[in-house]
C-alpha atoms as a PDB file:
ATOM      1  CA  MET A   1      40.174 -12.287  -2.353  1.00  0.00           C
ATOM      2  CA  ALA A   2      39.449 -13.056   1.317  1.00  0.00           C
ATOM      3  CA  ARG A   3      36.080 -14.491   2.006  1.00  0.00           C
ATOM      4  CA  ASN A   4      33.647 -12.124   3.755  1.00  0.00           C
ATOM      5  CA  LYS A   5      33.274 -13.567   7.285  1.00  0.00           C
ATOM      6  CA  TYR A   6      30.180 -11.516   8.113  1.00  0.00           C
ATOM      7  CA  PRO A   7      27.903 -11.457   5.010  1.00  0.00           C
ATOM      8  CA  GLU A   8      24.838 -10.629   7.113  1.00  0.00           C
ATOM      9  CA  GLU A   9      26.490  -7.368   8.342  1.00  0.00           C
ATOM     10  CA  THR A  10      27.423  -6.478   4.726  1.00  0.00           C
ATOM     11  CA  VAL A  11      23.807  -6.976   3.565  1.00  0.00           C
ATOM     12  CA  ALA A  12      22.513  -4.975   6.530  1.00  0.00           C
ATOM     13  CA  ARG A  13      24.920  -2.111   5.645  1.00  0.00           C
ATOM     14  CA  ILE A  14      23.789  -2.056   2.004  1.00  0.00           C
ATOM     15  CA  LEU A  15      20.105  -2.178   2.947  1.00  0.00           C
ATOM     16  CA  ASP A  16      20.538   0.665   5.526  1.00  0.00           C
ATOM     17  CA  VAL A  17      22.276   2.952   3.071  1.00  0.00           C
ATOM     18  CA  ALA A  18      19.967   2.075   0.218  1.00  0.00           C
ATOM     19  CA  PHE A  19      16.909   2.889   2.438  1.00  0.00           C
ATOM     20  CA  GLU A  20      18.325   6.208   3.408  1.00  0.00           C
ATOM     21  CA  LEU A  21      19.074   7.106  -0.197  1.00  0.00           C
ATOM     22  CA  PHE A  22      15.714   5.813  -1.598  1.00  0.00           C
ATOM     23  CA  THR A  23      13.786   7.871   0.974  1.00  0.00           C
ATOM     24  CA  THR A  24      15.778  11.084   0.537  1.00  0.00           C
ATOM     25  CA  LYS A  25      16.684  11.071  -3.218  1.00  0.00           C
ATOM     26  CA  GLY A  26      13.913   8.822  -4.496  1.00  0.00           C
ATOM     27  CA  PHE A  27      14.374   5.410  -6.069  1.00  0.00           C
ATOM     28  CA  GLU A  28      14.683   6.582  -9.642  1.00  0.00           C
ATOM     29  CA  GLU A  29      17.302   9.158  -8.760  1.00  0.00           C
ATOM     30  CA  THR A  30      19.454   6.714  -6.722  1.00  0.00           C
ATOM     31  CA  SER A  31      22.121   4.723  -8.639  1.00  0.00           C
ATOM     32  CA  ILE A  32      24.088   1.737  -7.566  1.00  0.00           C
ATOM     33  CA  GLN A  33      27.154   4.121  -7.623  1.00  0.00           C
ATOM     34  CA  ASP A  34      25.402   6.362  -5.120  1.00  0.00           C
ATOM     35  CA  ILE A  35      25.044   3.411  -2.756  1.00  0.00           C
ATOM     36  CA  ILE A  36      28.685   2.497  -3.211  1.00  0.00           C
ATOM     37  CA  ASP A  37      29.812   5.989  -2.498  1.00  0.00           C
ATOM     38  CA  HIS A  38      28.069   5.814   0.894  1.00  0.00           C
ATOM     39  CA  LEU A  39      29.582   2.507   1.764  1.00  0.00           C
ATOM     40  CA  ASP A  40      33.138   3.007   2.854  1.00  0.00           C
ATOM     41  CA  GLY A  41      35.390   0.215   1.581  1.00  0.00           C
ATOM     42  CA  LEU A  42      32.680  -1.729  -0.310  1.00  0.00           C
ATOM     43  CA  SER A  43      33.064  -2.373  -3.978  1.00  0.00           C
ATOM     44  CA  LYS A  44      30.474  -2.652  -6.711  1.00  0.00           C
ATOM     45  CA  GLY A  45      31.348  -6.357  -6.959  1.00  0.00           C
ATOM     46  CA  ALA A  46      30.498  -6.766  -3.288  1.00  0.00           C
ATOM     47  CA  ILE A  47      26.984  -5.267  -3.837  1.00  0.00           C
ATOM     48  CA  TYR A  48      26.296  -7.419  -6.912  1.00  0.00           C
ATOM     49  CA  HIS A  49      27.507 -10.442  -4.964  1.00  0.00           C
ATOM     50  CA  HIS A  50      24.448 -10.056  -2.733  1.00  0.00           C
ATOM     51  CA  PHE A  51      21.941  -8.254  -5.057  1.00  0.00           C
ATOM     52  CA  LYS A  52      21.428  -8.597  -8.739  1.00  0.00           C
ATOM     53  CA  SER A  53      20.066  -5.139  -9.326  1.00  0.00           C
ATOM     54  CA  LYS A  54      18.844  -1.992  -7.599  1.00  0.00           C
ATOM     55  CA  GLU A  55      15.270  -3.281  -7.960  1.00  0.00           C
ATOM     56  CA  GLU A  56      16.223  -6.339  -5.918  1.00  0.00           C
ATOM     57  CA  ILE A  57      17.588  -4.126  -3.187  1.00  0.00           C
ATOM     58  CA  LEU A  58      14.212  -2.264  -3.179  1.00  0.00           C
ATOM     59  CA  ASP A  59      12.433  -5.617  -2.855  1.00  0.00           C
ATOM     60  CA  VAL A  60      14.347  -6.520   0.271  1.00  0.00           C
ATOM     61  CA  VAL A  61      14.052  -2.967   1.718  1.00  0.00           C
ATOM     62  CA  SER A  62      10.274  -3.074   1.243  1.00  0.00           C
ATOM     63  CA  ASN A  63      10.071  -6.603   2.766  1.00  0.00           C
ATOM     64  CA  ARG A  64      11.810  -5.281   5.884  1.00  0.00           C
ATOM     65  CA  MET A  65       9.190  -2.579   6.205  1.00  0.00           C
ATOM     66  CA  MET A  66       6.419  -5.157   5.564  1.00  0.00           C
ATOM     67  CA  GLU A  67       7.547  -7.114   8.661  1.00  0.00           C
ATOM     68  CA  SER A  68       6.427  -4.353  11.024  1.00  0.00           C
ATOM     69  CA  THR A  69       3.333  -3.775   8.996  1.00  0.00           C
ATOM     70  CA  ILE A  70       2.346  -7.480   9.217  1.00  0.00           C
ATOM     71  CA  ALA A  71       2.997  -7.537  12.979  1.00  0.00           C
ATOM     72  CA  GLU A  72       0.460  -4.705  13.451  1.00  0.00           C
ATOM     73  CA  LEU A  73      -2.081  -6.347  11.033  1.00  0.00           C
ATOM     74  CA  ARG A  74      -1.770  -9.491  13.060  1.00  0.00           C
ATOM     75  CA  ARG A  75      -2.386  -7.715  16.315  1.00  0.00           C
ATOM     76  CA  ILE A  76      -5.570  -6.195  14.936  1.00  0.00           C
ATOM     77  CA  ARG A  77      -6.799  -9.537  13.500  1.00  0.00           C
ATOM     78  CA  ASP A  78      -6.169 -11.416  16.702  1.00  0.00           C
ATOM     79  CA  ASP A  79      -7.628  -8.883  19.159  1.00  0.00           C
ATOM     80  CA  LEU A  80     -10.321 -10.859  21.029  1.00  0.00           C
ATOM     81  CA  ALA A  81     -11.962  -7.590  22.286  1.00  0.00           C
ATOM     82  CA  LEU A  82     -12.924  -6.324  18.787  1.00  0.00           C
ATOM     83  CA  SER A  83     -15.801  -7.341  16.583  1.00  0.00           C
ATOM     84  CA  GLY A  84     -15.213  -8.154  12.956  1.00  0.00           C
ATOM     85  CA  ALA A  85     -16.624  -4.742  11.901  1.00  0.00           C
ATOM     86  CA  GLN A  86     -14.372  -2.981  14.411  1.00  0.00           C
ATOM     87  CA  LYS A  87     -11.369  -4.838  13.067  1.00  0.00           C
ATOM     88  CA  ILE A  88     -12.266  -3.873   9.460  1.00  0.00           C
ATOM     89  CA  SER A  89     -12.351  -0.232  10.470  1.00  0.00           C
ATOM     90  CA  ARG A  90      -9.006  -0.431  12.160  1.00  0.00           C
ATOM     91  CA  LEU A  91      -7.439  -2.301   9.275  1.00  0.00           C
ATOM     92  CA  LEU A  92      -8.616   0.457   6.858  1.00  0.00           C
ATOM     93  CA  SER A  93      -7.222   3.241   9.163  1.00  0.00           C
ATOM     94  CA  PHE A  94      -3.853   1.482   9.493  1.00  0.00           C
ATOM     95  CA  SER A  95      -3.602   0.803   5.744  1.00  0.00           C
ATOM     96  CA  SER A  96      -3.451   4.579   5.257  1.00  0.00           C
ATOM     97  CA  THR A  97      -0.748   5.158   7.801  1.00  0.00           C
ATOM     98  CA  GLY A  98       1.465   2.054   7.808  1.00  0.00           C
ATOM     99  CA  PRO A  99       5.283   2.302   7.436  1.00  0.00           C
ATOM    100  CA  ALA A 100       5.325   0.362   4.232  1.00  0.00           C
ATOM    101  CA  LEU A 101       2.955   2.894   2.544  1.00  0.00           C
ATOM    102  CA  ASP A 102       5.031   5.750   3.811  1.00  0.00           C
ATOM    103  CA  LEU A 103       8.077   4.082   2.231  1.00  0.00           C
ATOM    104  CA  TRP A 104       6.380   3.812  -1.158  1.00  0.00           C
ATOM    105  CA  ASN A 105       5.334   7.433  -0.932  1.00  0.00           C
ATOM    106  CA  ARG A 106       8.833   8.676  -0.145  1.00  0.00           C
ATOM    107  CA  ILE A 107      10.845   6.587  -2.625  1.00  0.00           C
ATOM    108  CA  GLU A 108       8.578   7.548  -5.575  1.00  0.00           C
ATOM    109  CA  PRO A 109       9.016   4.393  -7.677  1.00  0.00           C
ATOM    110  CA  ASP A 110       8.387   4.709 -11.448  1.00  0.00           C
ATOM    111  CA  PRO A 111       4.622   4.395 -11.792  1.00  0.00           C
ATOM    112  CA  ASP A 112       4.669   2.857 -15.262  1.00  0.00           C
ATOM    113  CA  PRO A 113       3.495  -0.835 -14.808  1.00  0.00           C
ATOM    114  CA  VAL A 114       5.489  -1.889 -17.884  1.00  0.00           C
ATOM    115  CA  ARG A 115       8.801  -0.509 -16.656  1.00  0.00           C
ATOM    116  CA  ASN A 116       8.077  -1.586 -13.112  1.00  0.00           C
ATOM    117  CA  ALA A 117       6.372  -4.918 -13.796  1.00  0.00           C
ATOM    118  CA  ARG A 118       8.402  -6.711 -11.089  1.00  0.00           C
ATOM    119  CA  LEU A 119       7.165  -4.293  -8.362  1.00  0.00           C
ATOM    120  CA  LEU A 120       3.595  -4.535  -9.678  1.00  0.00           C
ATOM    121  CA  ALA A 121       3.776  -8.318  -9.571  1.00  0.00           C
ATOM    122  CA  ILE A 122       5.058  -8.272  -6.020  1.00  0.00           C
ATOM    123  CA  GLN A 123       2.359  -5.858  -4.896  1.00  0.00           C
ATOM    124  CA  TYR A 124      -0.436  -7.985  -6.609  1.00  0.00           C
ATOM    125  CA  HIS A 125       0.879 -11.102  -5.037  1.00  0.00           C
ATOM    126  CA  ASP A 126       1.226  -9.655  -1.546  1.00  0.00           C
ATOM    127  CA  THR A 127      -2.298  -8.052  -1.826  1.00  0.00           C
ATOM    128  CA  LEU A 128      -4.030 -11.386  -2.490  1.00  0.00           C
ATOM    129  CA  GLN A 129      -1.715 -13.797  -0.592  1.00  0.00           C
ATOM    130  CA  ILE A 130      -1.091 -11.584   2.549  1.00  0.00           C
ATOM    131  CA  THR A 131      -3.565  -8.745   2.948  1.00  0.00           C
ATOM    132  CA  SER A 132      -6.611 -10.656   1.659  1.00  0.00           C
ATOM    133  CA  ALA A 133      -5.984 -14.217   2.597  1.00  0.00           C
ATOM    134  CA  GLN A 134      -4.251 -13.820   5.936  1.00  0.00           C
ATOM    135  CA  PHE A 135      -5.999 -10.694   7.328  1.00  0.00           C
ATOM    136  CA  LEU A 136      -9.038  -9.320   5.548  1.00  0.00           C
ATOM    137  CA  ARG A 137     -10.799 -12.522   4.834  1.00  0.00           C
ATOM    138  CA  PRO A 138     -10.570 -13.970   8.438  1.00  0.00           C
ATOM    139  CA  VAL A 139     -11.824 -10.628   9.840  1.00  0.00           C
ATOM    140  CA  ILE A 140     -14.797 -10.558   7.481  1.00  0.00           C
ATOM    141  CA  GLU A 141     -15.617 -14.182   8.320  1.00  0.00           C
ATOM    142  CA  GLN A 142     -15.505 -13.239  12.054  1.00  0.00           C
ATOM    143  CA  GLY A 143     -17.817 -10.335  11.420  1.00  0.00           C
ATOM    144  CA  VAL A 144     -20.331 -12.578   9.663  1.00  0.00           C
ATOM    145  CA  LEU A 145     -20.267 -15.017  12.637  1.00  0.00           C
ATOM    146  CA  ASP A 146     -20.545 -12.317  15.330  1.00  0.00           C
ATOM    147  CA  GLY A 147     -23.371 -10.523  13.439  1.00  0.00           C
ATOM    148  CA  SER A 148     -21.427  -7.186  12.961  1.00  0.00           C
ATOM    149  CA  LEU A 149     -21.191  -7.788   9.173  1.00  0.00           C
ATOM    150  CA  SER A 150     -23.629  -9.196   6.614  1.00  0.00           C
ATOM    151  CA  CYS A 151     -21.175 -10.052   3.844  1.00  0.00           C
ATOM    152  CA  PRO A 152     -22.421 -13.090   1.748  1.00  0.00           C
ATOM    153  CA  CYS A 153     -19.083 -13.792   0.139  1.00  0.00           C
ATOM    154  CA  PRO A 154     -16.120 -13.077   2.479  1.00  0.00           C
ATOM    155  CA  GLN A 155     -13.404 -14.525   0.288  1.00  0.00           C
ATOM    156  CA  GLU A 156     -14.450 -12.677  -2.829  1.00  0.00           C
ATOM    157  CA  ALA A 157     -15.056  -9.451  -0.845  1.00  0.00           C
ATOM    158  CA  ALA A 158     -11.609  -9.656   0.761  1.00  0.00           C
ATOM    159  CA  ASP A 159      -9.944 -10.038  -2.643  1.00  0.00           C
ATOM    160  CA  ILE A 160     -11.990  -7.161  -4.165  1.00  0.00           C
ATOM    161  CA  LEU A 161     -11.431  -4.760  -1.361  1.00  0.00           C
ATOM    162  CA  SER A 162      -7.726  -5.550  -0.962  1.00  0.00           C
ATOM    163  CA  LEU A 163      -7.119  -4.976  -4.695  1.00  0.00           C
ATOM    164  CA  LEU A 164      -9.100  -1.755  -4.703  1.00  0.00           C
ATOM    165  CA  ALA A 165      -7.234  -0.427  -1.634  1.00  0.00           C
ATOM    166  CA  ASN A 166      -3.721  -1.505  -2.655  1.00  0.00           C
ATOM    167  CA  LEU A 167      -3.694  -1.076  -6.397  1.00  0.00           C
ATOM    168  CA  TRP A 168      -6.542   1.297  -7.350  1.00  0.00           C
ATOM    169  CA  MET A 169      -7.527   3.634  -4.468  1.00  0.00           C
ATOM    170  CA  VAL A 170      -4.005   4.658  -3.839  1.00  0.00           C
ATOM    171  CA  PRO A 171      -2.418   3.867  -7.256  1.00  0.00           C
ATOM    172  CA  MET A 172       1.237   3.272  -7.150  1.00  0.00           C
ATOM    173  CA  PHE A 173       1.452   2.150 -10.772  1.00  0.00           C
ATOM    174  CA  ALA A 174      -0.712   4.864 -12.432  1.00  0.00           C
ATOM    175  CA  PRO A 175      -0.871   8.665 -12.467  1.00  0.00           C
ATOM    176  CA  ARG A 176      -2.099   9.872  -9.066  1.00  0.00           C
ATOM    177  CA  GLY A 177      -4.330  12.538 -10.504  1.00  0.00           C
ATOM    178  CA  THR A 178      -5.785  15.288  -8.332  1.00  0.00           C
ATOM    179  CA  ILE A 179      -6.969  15.223  -4.719  1.00  0.00           C
ATOM    180  CA  GLU A 180     -10.621  15.486  -5.936  1.00  0.00           C
ATOM    181  CA  GLU A 181     -10.144  12.390  -8.201  1.00  0.00           C
ATOM    182  CA  PHE A 182      -8.656  10.596  -5.164  1.00  0.00           C
ATOM    183  CA  LYS A 183     -11.569  11.563  -2.961  1.00  0.00           C
ATOM    184  CA  ARG A 184     -13.979  10.170  -5.415  1.00  0.00           C
ATOM    185  CA  ARG A 185     -12.042   6.885  -5.406  1.00  0.00           C
ATOM    186  CA  VAL A 186     -12.202   6.658  -1.656  1.00  0.00           C
ATOM    187  CA  ARG A 187     -15.966   7.341  -1.657  1.00  0.00           C
ATOM    188  CA  CYS A 188     -16.588   4.702  -4.340  1.00  0.00           C
ATOM    189  CA  PHE A 189     -14.392   2.306  -2.469  1.00  0.00           C
ATOM    190  CA  ALA A 190     -16.744   2.721   0.546  1.00  0.00           C
ATOM    191  CA  THR A 191     -19.760   2.275  -1.708  1.00  0.00           C
ATOM    192  CA  VAL A 192     -18.398  -0.997  -3.113  1.00  0.00           C
ATOM    193  CA  ALA A 193     -17.715  -2.177   0.434  1.00  0.00           C
ATOM    194  CA  ARG A 194     -21.210  -1.290   1.457  1.00  0.00           C
ATOM    195  CA  SER A 195     -22.620  -3.300  -1.422  1.00  0.00           C
ATOM    196  CA  LEU A 196     -20.769  -6.297  -0.116  1.00  0.00           C
ATOM    197  CA  GLY A 197     -22.165  -5.909   3.393  1.00  0.00           C
ATOM    198  CA  ILE A 198     -19.206  -3.990   4.875  1.00  0.00           C
ATOM    199  CA  GLU A 199     -20.072  -0.557   6.223  1.00  0.00           C
ATOM    200  CA  PHE A 200     -17.510   2.214   6.816  1.00  0.00           C
ATOM    201  CA  ALA A 201     -18.416   5.263   8.831  1.00  0.00           C
ATOM    202  CA  ASP A 202     -17.904   8.627   7.236  1.00  0.00           C
ATOM    203  CA  GLN A 203     -15.354   9.434   9.909  1.00  0.00           C
ATOM    204  CA  ASN A 204     -13.336   6.320   8.923  1.00  0.00           C
ATOM    205  CA  VAL A 205     -13.418   7.321   5.247  1.00  0.00           C
ATOM    206  CA  ASN A 206     -12.554  10.852   6.179  1.00  0.00           C
ATOM    207  CA  GLU A 207      -9.535   9.692   8.112  1.00  0.00           C
ATOM    208  CA  VAL A 208      -8.249   7.882   5.032  1.00  0.00           C
ATOM    209  CA  MET A 209      -8.537  11.026   2.958  1.00  0.00           C
ATOM    210  CA  ILE A 210      -6.588  13.032   5.464  1.00  0.00           C
ATOM    211  CA  ASN A 211      -3.845  10.480   5.968  1.00  0.00           C
ATOM    212  CA  LEU A 212      -3.274   9.956   2.250  1.00  0.00           C
ATOM    213  CA  ALA A 213      -3.331  13.588   1.268  1.00  0.00           C
ATOM    214  CA  GLY A 214       0.412  13.686   1.189  1.00  0.00           C
ATOM    215  CA  PHE A 215       0.393  11.621  -2.021  1.00  0.00           C
ATOM    216  CA  PHE A 216      -0.938  14.647  -3.878  1.00  0.00           C
ATOM    217  CA  ASP A 217       0.490  18.068  -4.586  1.00  0.00           C
ATOM    218  CA  ASP A 218      -2.696  20.060  -4.258  1.00  0.00           C
ATOM    219  CA  GLY A 219      -3.551  19.290  -0.683  1.00  0.00           C
ATOM    220  CA  ALA A 220      -6.791  18.122   0.904  1.00  0.00           C
ATOM    221  CA  ASP A 221      -9.398  19.534   3.169  1.00  0.00           C
ATOM    222  CA  GLY A 222     -10.435  16.106   4.422  1.00  0.00           C
ATOM    223  CA  GLU A 223     -14.184  16.765   3.899  1.00  0.00           C
ATOM    224  CA  VAL A 224     -16.181  13.658   3.018  1.00  0.00           C
ATOM    225  CA  GLY A 225     -18.836  15.684   1.337  1.00  0.00           C
ATOM    226  CA  PRO A 226     -21.800  13.867  -0.250  1.00  0.00           C
ATOM    227  CA  SER A 227     -22.864  10.350   0.834  1.00  0.00           C
ATOM    228  CA  HIS A 228     -20.756   7.564  -0.701  1.00  0.00           C
ATOM    229  CA  SER A 229     -23.447   6.467  -3.112  1.00  0.00           C
ATOM    230  CA  ASP A 230     -24.254   9.985  -4.161  1.00  0.00           C
ATOM    231  CA  ALA A 231     -20.564  10.712  -4.691  1.00  0.00           C
ATOM    232  CA  CYS A 232     -20.158   7.711  -7.016  1.00  0.00           C
ATOM    233  CA  ALA A 233     -23.382   8.530  -8.984  1.00  0.00           C
ATOM    234  CA  GLU A 234     -22.133  12.182  -9.289  1.00  0.00           C
ATOM    235  CA  SER A 235     -18.739  11.064 -10.429  1.00  0.00           C
ATOM    236  CA  ALA A 236     -20.218   8.751 -12.973  1.00  0.00           C
ATOM    237  CA  ALA A 237     -22.537  11.478 -14.256  1.00  0.00           C
ATOM    238  CA  THR A 238     -19.896  14.257 -14.479  1.00  0.00           C
ATOM    239  CA  VAL A 239     -16.761  12.469 -15.741  1.00  0.00           C
ATOM    240  CA  GLU A 240     -16.673  12.650 -19.572  1.00  0.00           C
ATOM    241  CA  PRO A 241     -15.870   9.435 -21.470  1.00  0.00           C
ATOM    242  CA  PRO A 242     -12.441   9.437 -23.256  1.00  0.00           C
ATOM    243  CA  ASN A 243     -12.234  10.443 -26.800  1.00  0.00           C
ATOM    244  CA  ARG A 244     -11.487   7.228 -28.816  1.00  0.00           C
ATOM    245  CA  ASP A 245     -11.228   8.884 -32.197  1.00  0.00           C
END
């Protein structure tokens, strides 16, 4: 067999086709054979020469999307005209509209953390090592120095808020629930942030609700409703404990 003289072009073709299929059919409904059928003249062996599995293809596709996301996060972090508090607000807004988030929503990966342990591990790693360490923590530390934030523990706050935002507030590896359940999560996220010395305006929280409404089937009116602390207290009072019998 002749050696492929242009492996980078082959990989790019595979990724382009996989991205198109993942975002139109969904990840679970796309097979390796589907990808092959859309790659004229490319065999299954050629795909497996570059990728061990469909999951590995998804990893690389998502990493491509993350490149543009990281570029925008870096731009916000390094903007000398913004205070720490202003940067936090912009990071939150961008986190609900970024291309990587849109990709996850469109490909609909299996939400079961056991069946999708690899993706969950990648998300957890990126949340702490990239979102928190490289972007959120430096911005919180800046806010403490410039007086726009009063957070006593920037590192811990960055980790907590990153994990809540990326793995809990918009759960990719758990049932999404209803829009009302999601709203309560957003409000409680804002309450936790406030307790850590990071204040989000209702308008900022409202924007997140509207931007992420597409993750749910029952729509969203975008209203913030009660104050953050009242919403959390109300949620805790009205949600019944699970039956453990």
